[in-house]
């Protein structure tokens, strides 16, 4: 049991997740209040990793529902295994024929068949999807509903019953209440506005790109073999790239990928050639790569970048373009 904010920070740190005080506070309060967490922010800043790290830190199993356009109840909650039902029907064909053959009328046969419906619509034929698994789990779990903004508004509305009462309705079986309330983390890349009803049920957390110091700590923690100078230069480059007006800013996960790549290339420092040949590890659009290279050439020639292209470099910071 993580009894205070400090213990949450420490426990997440042991999972190599560097949490700000705000993140640790929201996670602590969500557990105490029994509220879901809605973590919103740019892609790749560690929202999903937060749920994974919290699950590991608390020893709770992680159940993940990846959202996408067109996701419906049958993929998120449950569905009946019709193939298995048909197989059992074939195996029990003789028994069914005998039972129905003994009926005096068609009405009686229908009644006998209806009386056996619960056999074929029972838990043995129920295929549990992530939401139902979380509700029926015998132990407390962390339920990660990842990228909820990718799902349709209809599915978002469907979630409200679960997030309000932690119960689901299966028409053939009735209402199933949670044995243990799952700790729910919803993530959103803010590609669409979520409903006020959903937000009202959650504690809101905005996860932004980390500061220079925080990102450096993340790199040194996740990649201990990297030398201090290379780590500092790599983070400085990424921080400066995020100051460009890019189509997609490099994420924290891409910072880590790049740092690993630099280690694999046996780089002791970032020179111009290394930077130019590895830019595509960080940038995933050709227009962004070209914009970064133009900024490099401007700095080499001593030109001042336009305000629309660059933000001021940190005073006294490493110049990644030289």
C-alpha atoms as a PDB file:
ATOM      1  CA  UNK A   1       0.000   0.000   0.000  1.00  0.00           C
ATOM      2  CA  UNK A   2       1.475   3.325  -1.102  1.00  0.00           C
ATOM      3  CA  UNK A   3       0.386   5.439   1.851  1.00  0.00           C
ATOM      4  CA  UNK A   4       1.649   8.853   0.752  1.00  0.00           C
ATOM      5  CA  UNK A   5       2.848  10.795  -2.266  1.00  0.00           C
ATOM      6  CA  UNK A   6       6.496  10.259  -1.414  1.00  0.00           C
ATOM      7  CA  UNK A   7       6.075   6.479  -1.424  1.00  0.00           C
ATOM      8  CA  UNK A   8       4.340   6.664  -4.813  1.00  0.00           C
ATOM      9  CA  UNK A   9       7.255   8.666  -6.233  1.00  0.00           C
ATOM     10  CA  UNK A  10       9.753   6.211  -4.784  1.00  0.00           C
ATOM     11  CA  UNK A  11       7.859   3.132  -5.981  1.00  0.00           C
ATOM     12  CA  UNK A  12       7.543   4.508  -9.515  1.00  0.00           C
ATOM     13  CA  UNK A  13      11.225   5.435  -9.462  1.00  0.00           C
ATOM     14  CA  UNK A  14      12.099   1.846  -8.609  1.00  0.00           C
ATOM     15  CA  UNK A  15      10.319   0.905 -11.837  1.00  0.00           C
ATOM     16  CA  UNK A  16      12.521   3.456 -13.671  1.00  0.00           C
ATOM     17  CA  UNK A  17       9.610   5.851 -14.111  1.00  0.00           C
ATOM     18  CA  UNK A  18      10.608   9.401 -13.157  1.00  0.00           C
ATOM     19  CA  UNK A  19       7.397  10.939 -11.816  1.00  0.00           C
ATOM     20  CA  UNK A  20       6.857  14.616 -11.150  1.00  0.00           C
ATOM     21  CA  UNK A  21       5.224  15.607  -7.873  1.00  0.00           C
ATOM     22  CA  UNK A  22       1.990  16.301  -9.760  1.00  0.00           C
ATOM     23  CA  UNK A  23       1.943  12.824 -11.314  1.00  0.00           C
ATOM     24  CA  UNK A  24       2.649  11.119  -7.981  1.00  0.00           C
ATOM     25  CA  UNK A  25      -0.010  13.220  -6.238  1.00  0.00           C
ATOM     26  CA  UNK A  26      -2.723  12.427  -8.799  1.00  0.00           C
ATOM     27  CA  UNK A  27      -1.918   8.695  -8.702  1.00  0.00           C
ATOM     28  CA  UNK A  28      -2.039   8.718  -4.893  1.00  0.00           C
ATOM     29  CA  UNK A  29      -5.340  10.601  -4.745  1.00  0.00           C
ATOM     30  CA  UNK A  30      -6.922   8.438  -7.442  1.00  0.00           C
ATOM     31  CA  UNK A  31      -6.231   5.340  -5.376  1.00  0.00           C
ATOM     32  CA  UNK A  32      -7.505   6.931  -2.164  1.00  0.00           C
ATOM     33  CA  UNK A  33     -10.661   8.316  -3.781  1.00  0.00           C
ATOM     34  CA  UNK A  34     -11.371   5.287  -5.974  1.00  0.00           C
ATOM     35  CA  UNK A  35     -11.328   7.471  -9.088  1.00  0.00           C
ATOM     36  CA  UNK A  36     -10.026   6.700 -12.590  1.00  0.00           C
ATOM     37  CA  UNK A  37      -7.101   8.748 -13.882  1.00  0.00           C
ATOM     38  CA  UNK A  38      -7.393  10.481 -17.253  1.00  0.00           C
ATOM     39  CA  UNK A  39      -3.832  11.103 -18.457  1.00  0.00           C
ATOM     40  CA  UNK A  40      -3.742  13.428 -21.441  1.00  0.00           C
ATOM     41  CA  UNK A  41      -0.821  14.807 -23.404  1.00  0.00           C
ATOM     42  CA  UNK A  42       1.319  14.453 -26.528  1.00  0.00           C
ATOM     43  CA  UNK A  43       2.074  10.985 -27.863  1.00  0.00           C
ATOM     44  CA  UNK A  44       5.136   9.325 -26.420  1.00  0.00           C
ATOM     45  CA  UNK A  45       5.508  11.249 -23.147  1.00  0.00           C
ATOM     46  CA  UNK A  46       5.005   8.191 -20.924  1.00  0.00           C
ATOM     47  CA  UNK A  47       1.271   7.996 -20.243  1.00  0.00           C
ATOM     48  CA  UNK A  48       1.035   4.277 -21.014  1.00  0.00           C
ATOM     49  CA  UNK A  49       4.312   3.643 -19.209  1.00  0.00           C
ATOM     50  CA  UNK A  50       2.833   5.315 -16.127  1.00  0.00           C
ATOM     51  CA  UNK A  51       0.078   2.696 -15.915  1.00  0.00           C
ATOM     52  CA  UNK A  52       2.571  -0.120 -16.487  1.00  0.00           C
ATOM     53  CA  UNK A  53       4.965   1.235 -13.872  1.00  0.00           C
ATOM     54  CA  UNK A  54       2.159   1.693 -11.325  1.00  0.00           C
ATOM     55  CA  UNK A  55       0.981  -1.877 -11.881  1.00  0.00           C
ATOM     56  CA  UNK A  56       4.503  -3.196 -11.353  1.00  0.00           C
ATOM     57  CA  UNK A  57       5.056  -0.950  -8.329  1.00  0.00           C
ATOM     58  CA  UNK A  58       1.878  -2.166  -6.609  1.00  0.00           C
ATOM     59  CA  UNK A  59       2.124  -5.791  -7.731  1.00  0.00           C
ATOM     60  CA  UNK A  60      -1.273  -5.626  -9.436  1.00  0.00           C
ATOM     61  CA  UNK A  61      -1.828  -7.374 -12.795  1.00  0.00           C
ATOM     62  CA  UNK A  62      -2.181  -5.040 -15.768  1.00  0.00           C
ATOM     63  CA  UNK A  63      -5.142  -5.472 -18.119  1.00  0.00           C
ATOM     64  CA  UNK A  64      -4.923  -3.335 -21.245  1.00  0.00           C
ATOM     65  CA  UNK A  65      -7.638  -2.272 -23.653  1.00  0.00           C
ATOM     66  CA  UNK A  66      -6.188  -0.652 -26.776  1.00  0.00           C
ATOM     67  CA  UNK A  67      -8.768   1.670 -28.294  1.00  0.00           C
ATOM     68  CA  UNK A  68      -9.262   2.272 -32.001  1.00  0.00           C
ATOM     69  CA  UNK A  69     -11.920   3.595 -34.347  1.00  0.00           C
ATOM     70  CA  UNK A  70     -14.829   1.164 -34.559  1.00  0.00           C
ATOM     71  CA  UNK A  71     -14.154  -0.507 -31.194  1.00  0.00           C
ATOM     72  CA  UNK A  72     -17.428  -1.875 -29.817  1.00  0.00           C
ATOM     73  CA  UNK A  73     -18.731  -3.737 -26.785  1.00  0.00           C
ATOM     74  CA  UNK A  74     -18.074  -7.196 -28.190  1.00  0.00           C
ATOM     75  CA  UNK A  75     -14.358  -6.442 -28.567  1.00  0.00           C
ATOM     76  CA  UNK A  76     -14.036  -4.611 -25.259  1.00  0.00           C
ATOM     77  CA  UNK A  77     -16.444  -6.435 -22.950  1.00  0.00           C
ATOM     78  CA  UNK A  78     -17.376  -9.952 -24.060  1.00  0.00           C
ATOM     79  CA  UNK A  79     -18.692 -12.095 -26.855  1.00  0.00           C
ATOM     80  CA  UNK A  80     -20.183 -15.568 -27.101  1.00  0.00           C
ATOM     81  CA  UNK A  81     -18.021 -18.326 -28.531  1.00  0.00           C
ATOM     82  CA  UNK A  82     -20.440 -19.397 -31.235  1.00  0.00           C
ATOM     83  CA  UNK A  83     -18.027 -21.956 -32.688  1.00  0.00           C
ATOM     84  CA  UNK A  84     -17.769 -23.659 -29.297  1.00  0.00           C
ATOM     85  CA  UNK A  85     -21.539 -23.537 -28.871  1.00  0.00           C
ATOM     86  CA  UNK A  86     -22.003 -25.179 -32.280  1.00  0.00           C
ATOM     87  CA  UNK A  87     -19.457 -27.868 -31.405  1.00  0.00           C
ATOM     88  CA  UNK A  88     -21.311 -28.688 -28.196  1.00  0.00           C
ATOM     89  CA  UNK A  89     -24.588 -28.735 -30.127  1.00  0.00           C
ATOM     90  CA  UNK A  90     -23.133 -31.305 -32.517  1.00  0.00           C
ATOM     91  CA  UNK A  91     -21.740 -33.406 -29.686  1.00  0.00           C
ATOM     92  CA  UNK A  92     -25.082 -33.326 -27.854  1.00  0.00           C
ATOM     93  CA  UNK A  93     -27.174 -33.816 -31.006  1.00  0.00           C
ATOM     94  CA  UNK A  94     -28.401 -37.273 -30.019  1.00  0.00           C
ATOM     95  CA  UNK A  95     -29.365 -36.093 -26.546  1.00  0.00           C
ATOM     96  CA  UNK A  96     -31.225 -33.090 -27.997  1.00  0.00           C
ATOM     97  CA  UNK A  97     -33.009 -35.289 -30.546  1.00  0.00           C
ATOM     98  CA  UNK A  98     -34.135 -37.651 -27.803  1.00  0.00           C
ATOM     99  CA  UNK A  99     -35.319 -34.800 -25.592  1.00  0.00           C
ATOM    100  CA  UNK A 100     -37.243 -33.089 -28.372  1.00  0.00           C
ATOM    101  CA  UNK A 101     -38.587 -36.384 -29.750  1.00  0.00           C
ATOM    102  CA  UNK A 102     -40.303 -37.126 -26.460  1.00  0.00           C
ATOM    103  CA  UNK A 103     -42.273 -33.875 -26.685  1.00  0.00           C
ATOM    104  CA  UNK A 104     -45.934 -34.389 -27.541  1.00  0.00           C
ATOM    105  CA  UNK A 105     -46.352 -31.056 -29.349  1.00  0.00           C
ATOM    106  CA  UNK A 106     -44.226 -28.505 -31.142  1.00  0.00           C
ATOM    107  CA  UNK A 107     -45.003 -26.028 -28.365  1.00  0.00           C
ATOM    108  CA  UNK A 108     -43.711 -28.453 -25.742  1.00  0.00           C
ATOM    109  CA  UNK A 109     -40.555 -29.089 -27.789  1.00  0.00           C
ATOM    110  CA  UNK A 110     -39.910 -25.339 -27.993  1.00  0.00           C
ATOM    111  CA  UNK A 111     -40.383 -25.017 -24.237  1.00  0.00           C
ATOM    112  CA  UNK A 112     -37.937 -27.849 -23.581  1.00  0.00           C
ATOM    113  CA  UNK A 113     -35.346 -26.289 -25.877  1.00  0.00           C
ATOM    114  CA  UNK A 114     -35.790 -22.868 -24.263  1.00  0.00           C
ATOM    115  CA  UNK A 115     -35.299 -24.426 -20.836  1.00  0.00           C
ATOM    116  CA  UNK A 116     -31.825 -25.536 -21.920  1.00  0.00           C
ATOM    117  CA  UNK A 117     -30.731 -22.137 -23.226  1.00  0.00           C
ATOM    118  CA  UNK A 118     -28.873 -21.345 -20.017  1.00  0.00           C
ATOM    119  CA  UNK A 119     -26.580 -24.287 -20.734  1.00  0.00           C
ATOM    120  CA  UNK A 120     -25.411 -22.671 -23.973  1.00  0.00           C
ATOM    121  CA  UNK A 121     -25.445 -19.110 -22.626  1.00  0.00           C
ATOM    122  CA  UNK A 122     -23.390 -19.708 -19.520  1.00  0.00           C
ATOM    123  CA  UNK A 123     -19.923 -18.612 -18.453  1.00  0.00           C
ATOM    124  CA  UNK A 124     -18.335 -21.641 -20.108  1.00  0.00           C
ATOM    125  CA  UNK A 125     -19.180 -20.142 -23.509  1.00  0.00           C
ATOM    126  CA  UNK A 126     -18.461 -16.536 -22.536  1.00  0.00           C
ATOM    127  CA  UNK A 127     -15.283 -15.093 -24.011  1.00  0.00           C
ATOM    128  CA  UNK A 128     -14.141 -12.327 -21.665  1.00  0.00           C
ATOM    129  CA  UNK A 129     -12.538  -9.244 -23.154  1.00  0.00           C
ATOM    130  CA  UNK A 130     -10.416  -6.730 -21.158  1.00  0.00           C
ATOM    131  CA  UNK A 131     -13.271  -4.843 -19.454  1.00  0.00           C
ATOM    132  CA  UNK A 132     -15.021  -7.980 -18.241  1.00  0.00           C
ATOM    133  CA  UNK A 133     -11.700  -9.516 -17.165  1.00  0.00           C
ATOM    134  CA  UNK A 134     -11.016  -6.455 -15.028  1.00  0.00           C
ATOM    135  CA  UNK A 135     -14.460  -6.542 -13.424  1.00  0.00           C
ATOM    136  CA  UNK A 136     -14.463 -10.286 -12.697  1.00  0.00           C
ATOM    137  CA  UNK A 137     -10.842 -10.559 -11.578  1.00  0.00           C
ATOM    138  CA  UNK A 138     -10.342 -12.300  -8.234  1.00  0.00           C
ATOM    139  CA  UNK A 139      -7.587  -9.834  -7.356  1.00  0.00           C
ATOM    140  CA  UNK A 140      -7.326  -6.031  -7.762  1.00  0.00           C
ATOM    141  CA  UNK A 141      -5.967  -5.038 -11.169  1.00  0.00           C
ATOM    142  CA  UNK A 142      -4.807  -1.966 -13.051  1.00  0.00           C
ATOM    143  CA  UNK A 143      -7.077  -1.424 -16.052  1.00  0.00           C
ATOM    144  CA  UNK A 144      -5.382   0.588 -18.791  1.00  0.00           C
ATOM    145  CA  UNK A 145      -7.782   2.024 -21.378  1.00  0.00           C
ATOM    146  CA  UNK A 146      -5.227   3.248 -23.865  1.00  0.00           C
ATOM    147  CA  UNK A 147      -5.867   6.073 -26.345  1.00  0.00           C
ATOM    148  CA  UNK A 148      -9.547   6.515 -25.521  1.00  0.00           C
ATOM    149  CA  UNK A 149      -9.642   9.485 -27.913  1.00  0.00           C
ATOM    150  CA  UNK A 150      -9.266   7.048 -30.846  1.00  0.00           C
ATOM    151  CA  UNK A 151     -12.537   5.307 -29.959  1.00  0.00           C
ATOM    152  CA  UNK A 152     -15.931   6.624 -31.047  1.00  0.00           C
ATOM    153  CA  UNK A 153     -18.048   8.853 -28.817  1.00  0.00           C
ATOM    154  CA  UNK A 154     -20.594   5.997 -28.573  1.00  0.00           C
ATOM    155  CA  UNK A 155     -18.009   3.707 -27.004  1.00  0.00           C
ATOM    156  CA  UNK A 156     -16.946   6.483 -24.653  1.00  0.00           C
ATOM    157  CA  UNK A 157     -20.571   6.737 -23.480  1.00  0.00           C
ATOM    158  CA  UNK A 158     -20.672   2.967 -22.976  1.00  0.00           C
ATOM    159  CA  UNK A 159     -17.737   3.238 -20.574  1.00  0.00           C
ATOM    160  CA  UNK A 160     -19.634   5.528 -18.222  1.00  0.00           C
ATOM    161  CA  UNK A 161     -21.550   2.684 -16.523  1.00  0.00           C
ATOM    162  CA  UNK A 162     -18.341   0.817 -15.841  1.00  0.00           C
ATOM    163  CA  UNK A 163     -16.471   3.861 -14.554  1.00  0.00           C
ATOM    164  CA  UNK A 164     -19.409   4.955 -12.382  1.00  0.00           C
ATOM    165  CA  UNK A 165     -20.512   1.684 -10.823  1.00  0.00           C
ATOM    166  CA  UNK A 166     -17.813  -0.808 -11.831  1.00  0.00           C
ATOM    167  CA  UNK A 167     -20.395  -3.209 -13.139  1.00  0.00           C
ATOM    168  CA  UNK A 168     -21.368  -4.569 -16.540  1.00  0.00           C
ATOM    169  CA  UNK A 169     -24.614  -5.925 -17.897  1.00  0.00           C
ATOM    170  CA  UNK A 170     -24.759  -9.203 -19.819  1.00  0.00           C
ATOM    171  CA  UNK A 171     -28.374  -9.726 -20.943  1.00  0.00           C
ATOM    172  CA  UNK A 172     -28.183 -13.532 -20.722  1.00  0.00           C
ATOM    173  CA  UNK A 173     -26.499 -13.525 -17.302  1.00  0.00           C
ATOM    174  CA  UNK A 174     -27.637 -10.274 -15.683  1.00  0.00           C
ATOM    175  CA  UNK A 175     -25.535  -7.595 -13.998  1.00  0.00           C
ATOM    176  CA  UNK A 176     -22.010  -8.541 -12.979  1.00  0.00           C
ATOM    177  CA  UNK A 177     -20.492  -6.391 -10.249  1.00  0.00           C
ATOM    178  CA  UNK A 178     -16.765  -6.032  -9.711  1.00  0.00           C
ATOM    179  CA  UNK A 179     -15.261  -8.210  -7.004  1.00  0.00           C
ATOM    180  CA  UNK A 180     -12.576  -5.551  -6.600  1.00  0.00           C
ATOM    181  CA  UNK A 181     -12.680  -2.060  -8.044  1.00  0.00           C
ATOM    182  CA  UNK A 182      -9.918  -1.895 -10.668  1.00  0.00           C
ATOM    183  CA  UNK A 183      -7.503   1.020 -10.648  1.00  0.00           C
ATOM    184  CA  UNK A 184      -8.325   2.618 -13.992  1.00  0.00           C
ATOM    185  CA  UNK A 185      -5.965   4.704 -16.115  1.00  0.00           C
ATOM    186  CA  UNK A 186      -7.295   6.213 -19.342  1.00  0.00           C
ATOM    187  CA  UNK A 187      -4.844   7.809 -21.752  1.00  0.00           C
ATOM    188  CA  UNK A 188      -5.555  10.331 -24.492  1.00  0.00           C
ATOM    189  CA  UNK A 189      -3.352  11.977 -27.116  1.00  0.00           C
ATOM    190  CA  UNK A 190      -5.995  14.713 -27.364  1.00  0.00           C
ATOM    191  CA  UNK A 191      -6.873  13.974 -31.002  1.00  0.00           C
ATOM    192  CA  UNK A 192     -10.496  14.800 -30.158  1.00  0.00           C
ATOM    193  CA  UNK A 193     -12.315  16.412 -27.272  1.00  0.00           C
ATOM    194  CA  UNK A 194     -13.586  13.928 -24.695  1.00  0.00           C
ATOM    195  CA  UNK A 195     -17.023  14.323 -23.150  1.00  0.00           C
ATOM    196  CA  UNK A 196     -17.577  16.276 -19.966  1.00  0.00           C
ATOM    197  CA  UNK A 197     -19.355  13.251 -18.492  1.00  0.00           C
ATOM    198  CA  UNK A 198     -16.212  11.140 -18.851  1.00  0.00           C
ATOM    199  CA  UNK A 199     -13.925  13.859 -17.518  1.00  0.00           C
ATOM    200  CA  UNK A 200     -16.187  14.417 -14.533  1.00  0.00           C
ATOM    201  CA  UNK A 201     -15.671  10.824 -13.413  1.00  0.00           C
ATOM    202  CA  UNK A 202     -11.874  11.035 -13.572  1.00  0.00           C
ATOM    203  CA  UNK A 203      -8.973  12.827 -11.962  1.00  0.00           C
ATOM    204  CA  UNK A 204      -7.319  14.781 -14.765  1.00  0.00           C
ATOM    205  CA  UNK A 205      -3.580  14.647 -15.367  1.00  0.00           C
ATOM    206  CA  UNK A 206      -1.733  16.438 -18.145  1.00  0.00           C
ATOM    207  CA  UNK A 207       1.572  14.767 -18.979  1.00  0.00           C
ATOM    208  CA  UNK A 208       3.811  17.082 -21.002  1.00  0.00           C
ATOM    209  CA  UNK A 209       7.292  16.709 -22.437  1.00  0.00           C
ATOM    210  CA  UNK A 210       9.760  16.598 -19.546  1.00  0.00           C
ATOM    211  CA  UNK A 211      12.114  19.419 -18.645  1.00  0.00           C
ATOM    212  CA  UNK A 212      15.765  19.170 -19.666  1.00  0.00           C
ATOM    213  CA  UNK A 213      16.772  17.952 -16.217  1.00  0.00           C
ATOM    214  CA  UNK A 214      13.954  15.405 -15.982  1.00  0.00           C
ATOM    215  CA  UNK A 215      14.630  14.015 -19.445  1.00  0.00           C
ATOM    216  CA  UNK A 216      18.331  13.719 -18.684  1.00  0.00           C
ATOM    217  CA  UNK A 217      17.460  11.764 -15.547  1.00  0.00           C
ATOM    218  CA  UNK A 218      15.216   9.472 -17.600  1.00  0.00           C
ATOM    219  CA  UNK A 219      17.991   8.812 -20.130  1.00  0.00           C
ATOM    220  CA  UNK A 220      20.601   8.126 -17.440  1.00  0.00           C
ATOM    221  CA  UNK A 221      18.172   5.870 -15.555  1.00  0.00           C
ATOM    222  CA  UNK A 222      16.990   3.842 -18.550  1.00  0.00           C
ATOM    223  CA  UNK A 223      20.397   3.677 -20.295  1.00  0.00           C
ATOM    224  CA  UNK A 224      23.002   3.511 -17.523  1.00  0.00           C
ATOM    225  CA  UNK A 225      25.789   2.608 -19.961  1.00  0.00           C
ATOM    226  CA  UNK A 226      25.664   6.003 -21.698  1.00  0.00           C
ATOM    227  CA  UNK A 227      28.368   8.473 -20.675  1.00  0.00           C
ATOM    228  CA  UNK A 228      27.365  11.728 -19.013  1.00  0.00           C
ATOM    229  CA  UNK A 229      28.541  14.011 -21.820  1.00  0.00           C
ATOM    230  CA  UNK A 230      26.750  12.060 -24.555  1.00  0.00           C
ATOM    231  CA  UNK A 231      23.538  11.888 -22.512  1.00  0.00           C
ATOM    232  CA  UNK A 232      23.581  15.650 -21.913  1.00  0.00           C
ATOM    233  CA  UNK A 233      24.205  16.405 -25.588  1.00  0.00           C
ATOM    234  CA  UNK A 234      21.485  14.005 -26.746  1.00  0.00           C
ATOM    235  CA  UNK A 235      18.891  15.558 -24.452  1.00  0.00           C
ATOM    236  CA  UNK A 236      19.929  19.067 -25.505  1.00  0.00           C
ATOM    237  CA  UNK A 237      19.443  18.148 -29.166  1.00  0.00           C
ATOM    238  CA  UNK A 238      15.982  16.763 -28.502  1.00  0.00           C
ATOM    239  CA  UNK A 239      14.963  19.772 -26.430  1.00  0.00           C
ATOM    240  CA  UNK A 240      16.058  22.083 -29.261  1.00  0.00           C
ATOM    241  CA  UNK A 241      14.266  19.991 -31.889  1.00  0.00           C
ATOM    242  CA  UNK A 242      11.036  20.384 -29.939  1.00  0.00           C
ATOM    243  CA  UNK A 243      11.511  24.116 -30.315  1.00  0.00           C
ATOM    244  CA  UNK A 244      11.144  23.815 -34.070  1.00  0.00           C
ATOM    245  CA  UNK A 245       7.733  24.005 -35.665  1.00  0.00           C
ATOM    246  CA  UNK A 246       7.696  20.281 -36.469  1.00  0.00           C
ATOM    247  CA  UNK A 247       4.879  18.098 -37.713  1.00  0.00           C
ATOM    248  CA  UNK A 248       5.735  15.601 -34.964  1.00  0.00           C
ATOM    249  CA  UNK A 249       8.014  16.410 -32.065  1.00  0.00           C
ATOM    250  CA  UNK A 250      10.369  13.657 -30.910  1.00  0.00           C
ATOM    251  CA  UNK A 251       8.862  11.793 -27.976  1.00  0.00           C
ATOM    252  CA  UNK A 252      10.615  10.607 -24.830  1.00  0.00           C
ATOM    253  CA  UNK A 253      10.577   7.055 -26.182  1.00  0.00           C
ATOM    254  CA  UNK A 254      12.341   8.315 -29.312  1.00  0.00           C
ATOM    255  CA  UNK A 255      14.897  10.127 -27.160  1.00  0.00           C
ATOM    256  CA  UNK A 256      15.645   6.789 -25.513  1.00  0.00           C
ATOM    257  CA  UNK A 257      15.832   5.015 -28.877  1.00  0.00           C
ATOM    258  CA  UNK A 258      18.278   7.628 -30.136  1.00  0.00           C
ATOM    259  CA  UNK A 259      20.409   7.456 -27.014  1.00  0.00           C
ATOM    260  CA  UNK A 260      20.605   3.663 -27.368  1.00  0.00           C
ATOM    261  CA  UNK A 261      21.532   4.057 -31.033  1.00  0.00           C
ATOM    262  CA  UNK A 262      24.345   6.455 -30.140  1.00  0.00           C
ATOM    263  CA  UNK A 263      25.699   3.958 -27.632  1.00  0.00           C
ATOM    264  CA  UNK A 264      25.533   1.193 -30.254  1.00  0.00           C
ATOM    265  CA  UNK A 265      27.498   3.423 -32.646  1.00  0.00           C
ATOM    266  CA  UNK A 266      30.177   3.801 -29.948  1.00  0.00           C
ATOM    267  CA  UNK A 267      29.737   7.577 -30.028  1.00  0.00           C
ATOM    268  CA  UNK A 268      31.484   9.493 -27.262  1.00  0.00           C
ATOM    269  CA  UNK A 269      29.962  12.807 -28.342  1.00  0.00           C
ATOM    270  CA  UNK A 270      27.583  14.078 -30.996  1.00  0.00           C
ATOM    271  CA  UNK A 271      29.371  15.510 -34.013  1.00  0.00           C
ATOM    272  CA  UNK A 272      27.812  16.905 -37.172  1.00  0.00           C
ATOM    273  CA  UNK A 273      28.067  13.647 -39.137  1.00  0.00           C
ATOM    274  CA  UNK A 274      26.523  11.554 -36.362  1.00  0.00           C
ATOM    275  CA  UNK A 275      23.705  14.044 -35.965  1.00  0.00           C
ATOM    276  CA  UNK A 276      22.915  14.158 -39.675  1.00  0.00           C
ATOM    277  CA  UNK A 277      22.998  10.369 -40.160  1.00  0.00           C
ATOM    278  CA  UNK A 278      20.835   9.564 -37.138  1.00  0.00           C
ATOM    279  CA  UNK A 279      18.203  12.317 -37.329  1.00  0.00           C
ATOM    280  CA  UNK A 280      15.611   9.879 -38.669  1.00  0.00           C
ATOM    281  CA  UNK A 281      15.698   7.971 -35.394  1.00  0.00           C
ATOM    282  CA  UNK A 282      14.150  11.073 -33.843  1.00  0.00           C
ATOM    283  CA  UNK A 283      12.156  12.553 -36.722  1.00  0.00           C
ATOM    284  CA  UNK A 284       9.618  10.500 -38.672  1.00  0.00           C
ATOM    285  CA  UNK A 285       8.556  12.944 -41.379  1.00  0.00           C
ATOM    286  CA  UNK A 286      10.776  14.049 -44.256  1.00  0.00           C
ATOM    287  CA  UNK A 287       9.569  17.642 -43.895  1.00  0.00           C
ATOM    288  CA  UNK A 288      10.742  17.621 -40.260  1.00  0.00           C
ATOM    289  CA  UNK A 289      14.136  16.196 -41.227  1.00  0.00           C
ATOM    290  CA  UNK A 290      14.601  18.901 -43.855  1.00  0.00           C
ATOM    291  CA  UNK A 291      13.548  21.629 -41.417  1.00  0.00           C
ATOM    292  CA  UNK A 292      16.062  20.366 -38.843  1.00  0.00           C
ATOM    293  CA  UNK A 293      18.838  20.290 -41.457  1.00  0.00           C
ATOM    294  CA  UNK A 294      18.001  23.834 -42.555  1.00  0.00           C
ATOM    295  CA  UNK A 295      18.298  24.942 -38.932  1.00  0.00           C
ATOM    296  CA  UNK A 296      21.660  23.189 -38.771  1.00  0.00           C
ATOM    297  CA  UNK A 297      22.906  25.025 -41.871  1.00  0.00           C
ATOM    298  CA  UNK A 298      21.636  28.380 -40.574  1.00  0.00           C
ATOM    299  CA  UNK A 299      23.480  27.966 -37.301  1.00  0.00           C
ATOM    300  CA  UNK A 300      26.655  26.941 -39.100  1.00  0.00           C
ATOM    301  CA  UNK A 301      26.481  30.040 -41.296  1.00  0.00           C
ATOM    302  CA  UNK A 302      25.696  32.293 -38.348  1.00  0.00           C
ATOM    303  CA  UNK A 303      22.222  33.242 -39.592  1.00  0.00           C
ATOM    304  CA  UNK A 304      19.521  33.966 -37.082  1.00  0.00           C
ATOM    305  CA  UNK A 305      16.589  31.538 -37.319  1.00  0.00           C
ATOM    306  CA  UNK A 306      13.152  33.026 -37.684  1.00  0.00           C
ATOM    307  CA  UNK A 307      10.873  33.087 -34.677  1.00  0.00           C
ATOM    308  CA  UNK A 308       8.472  30.750 -36.461  1.00  0.00           C
ATOM    309  CA  UNK A 309      11.192  28.132 -36.915  1.00  0.00           C
ATOM    310  CA  UNK A 310      13.105  28.209 -33.656  1.00  0.00           C
ATOM    311  CA  UNK A 311      12.699  29.025 -30.032  1.00  0.00           C
ATOM    312  CA  UNK A 312      15.574  30.653 -28.113  1.00  0.00           C
ATOM    313  CA  UNK A 313      18.254  28.174 -27.113  1.00  0.00           C
ATOM    314  CA  UNK A 314      18.779  27.762 -23.384  1.00  0.00           C
ATOM    315  CA  UNK A 315      21.314  30.287 -22.152  1.00  0.00           C
ATOM    316  CA  UNK A 316      24.711  28.658 -21.840  1.00  0.00           C
ATOM    317  CA  UNK A 317      23.359  25.383 -23.251  1.00  0.00           C
ATOM    318  CA  UNK A 318      25.054  23.020 -25.633  1.00  0.00           C
ATOM    319  CA  UNK A 319      24.719  24.028 -29.305  1.00  0.00           C
ATOM    320  CA  UNK A 320      23.618  20.774 -31.008  1.00  0.00           C
ATOM    321  CA  UNK A 321      24.193  22.140 -34.460  1.00  0.00           C
ATOM    322  CA  UNK A 322      27.933  22.840 -34.037  1.00  0.00           C
END
